[in-house]
Amino acid sequence: MLGATSEECEFNLDMKHQTVSARRTDLQRLGLIDYARDANGKRERRITASGRPAYVKVATTKGKDTIKFGWRISAKGDPTRSRHKGNPMSNEAFESLKHSDVCARRILAFMVKRS
């Protein structure tokens, strides 16, 4: 089965819908995933458990290479550290971004397997 819907990622990775949706949007903006398309170039859909159609997305070549070579998905380190001088709230926000990177990598790795 080619690609994955958000629901398939949620179920297989045991993640919340909000997490999967947000991270897949990030991955698409970075060019690591894109819509699966049929022979006519139309976006493919699959029926979800609720009976509604959902778009199927696949890993791009860049996404596959990111997993294969272990490339970073986002910048290493807090890029705003010099501006906030180690403010605890900013540090906390950056820590949540690192968690987002871990989730995005798990989703991307799953999609690479399905692409």
Protein backbone atom coordinates (compact mmCIF):
# COMPACT_ATOMS: atom_id res chain seq x y z
CA MET A 1 0.00 0.00 0.00
CA LEU A 2 1.53 3.26 -1.14
CA GLY A 3 1.69 6.23 1.24
CA ALA A 4 -0.29 6.94 4.37
CA THR A 5 -3.19 9.03 5.59
CA SER A 6 -3.00 10.93 8.86
CA GLU A 7 -5.30 8.32 10.42
CA GLU A 8 -2.92 5.51 9.41
CA CYS A 9 0.01 7.37 10.98
CA GLU A 10 -1.98 8.01 14.16
CA PHE A 11 -2.95 4.35 14.51
CA ASN A 12 0.42 2.81 13.63
CA LEU A 13 2.52 5.25 15.65
CA ASP A 14 0.10 5.64 18.57
CA MET A 15 0.08 9.43 18.26
CA LYS A 16 -2.65 12.02 18.71
CA HIS A 17 -4.34 13.49 15.66
CA GLN A 18 -3.14 17.02 16.48
CA THR A 19 0.48 15.87 16.65
CA VAL A 20 0.35 13.93 13.38
CA SER A 21 -1.49 16.69 11.54
CA ALA A 22 0.92 19.41 12.66
CA ARG A 23 4.06 17.40 11.96
CA ARG A 24 2.85 16.25 8.52
CA THR A 25 2.20 19.89 7.66
CA ASP A 26 5.77 20.73 8.76
CA LEU A 27 7.18 17.81 6.74
CA GLN A 28 5.28 18.92 3.65
CA ARG A 29 6.48 22.52 3.99
CA LEU A 30 10.06 21.20 4.17
CA GLY A 31 9.53 19.17 0.98
CA LEU A 32 9.96 15.85 2.78
CA ILE A 33 6.47 14.53 1.97
CA ASP A 34 3.87 15.33 -0.67
CA TYR A 35 0.51 14.14 -1.93
CA ALA A 36 0.38 10.75 -3.62
CA ARG A 37 -0.96 11.20 -7.14
CA ASP A 38 -2.62 8.86 -9.60
CA ALA A 39 -1.61 8.44 -13.25
CA ASN A 40 -3.56 11.59 -14.17
CA GLY A 41 -1.84 13.68 -11.50
CA LYS A 42 -4.92 13.80 -9.26
CA ARG A 43 -4.37 13.63 -5.47
CA GLU A 44 -5.14 10.15 -4.16
CA ARG A 45 -7.56 9.54 -1.30
CA ARG A 46 -8.41 6.59 0.90
CA ILE A 47 -11.49 6.00 3.00
CA THR A 48 -10.95 6.37 6.76
CA ALA A 49 -12.56 4.40 9.58
CA SER A 50 -15.32 7.02 9.71
CA GLY A 51 -16.07 6.43 6.02
CA ARG A 52 -14.73 9.77 4.82
CA PRO A 53 -12.02 10.21 2.20
CA ALA A 54 -8.58 11.40 3.33
CA TYR A 55 -5.59 12.48 1.28
CA VAL A 56 -2.71 10.05 1.01
CA LYS A 57 0.81 11.42 1.28
CA VAL A 58 4.15 9.84 0.42
CA ALA A 59 7.78 10.56 1.28
CA THR A 60 9.66 12.51 -1.39
CA THR A 61 13.19 11.66 -2.49
CA LYS A 62 14.42 14.33 -0.08
CA GLY A 63 12.38 12.73 2.72
CA LYS A 64 13.76 9.26 1.94
CA ASP A 65 17.31 10.62 1.91
CA THR A 66 16.71 12.42 5.23
CA ILE A 67 15.92 9.09 6.89
CA LYS A 68 18.56 7.10 4.97
CA PHE A 69 21.42 9.47 5.81
CA GLY A 70 20.16 10.63 9.22
CA TRP A 71 19.93 14.27 8.18
CA ARG A 72 18.43 16.74 10.64
CA ILE A 73 14.88 17.81 10.01
CA SER A 74 15.34 21.22 11.68
CA ALA A 75 18.18 23.39 12.92
CA LYS A 76 20.33 22.10 15.76
CA GLY A 77 20.28 24.26 18.86
CA ASP A 78 18.07 27.16 19.78
CA PRO A 79 18.47 29.70 16.97
CA THR A 80 17.13 32.54 19.17
CA ARG A 81 19.31 31.88 22.23
CA SER A 82 21.44 35.01 21.74
CA ARG A 83 18.31 37.18 21.70
CA HIS A 84 16.59 35.81 24.80
CA LYS A 85 19.72 35.29 26.93
CA GLY A 86 18.58 31.90 28.23
CA ASN A 87 15.11 33.03 29.36
CA PRO A 88 13.48 29.97 30.97
CA MET A 89 10.22 30.38 29.01
CA SER A 90 12.11 30.50 25.72
CA ASN A 91 14.16 27.47 26.75
CA GLU A 92 10.94 25.59 27.58
CA ALA A 93 9.48 26.48 24.18
CA PHE A 94 12.61 25.24 22.44
CA GLU A 95 12.48 21.95 24.35
CA SER A 96 8.96 21.39 23.01
CA LEU A 97 10.32 22.02 19.49
CA LYS A 98 12.88 19.25 20.02
CA HIS A 99 9.99 16.92 20.93
CA SER A 100 8.27 17.97 17.70
CA ASP A 101 11.39 17.02 15.75
CA VAL A 102 11.33 13.53 17.29
CA CYS A 103 7.67 13.11 16.34
CA ALA A 104 8.29 14.41 12.82
CA ARG A 105 11.17 11.95 12.35
CA ARG A 106 8.99 9.03 13.52
CA ILE A 107 6.22 10.04 11.11
CA LEU A 108 8.67 10.53 8.24
CA ALA A 109 10.32 7.14 8.88
CA PHE A 110 6.89 5.46 8.84
CA MET A 111 6.00 7.20 5.59
CA VAL A 112 9.32 6.23 4.00
CA LYS A 113 8.49 2.58 4.71
CA ARG A 114 5.14 3.06 2.99
CA SER A 115 6.46 4.95 -0.04
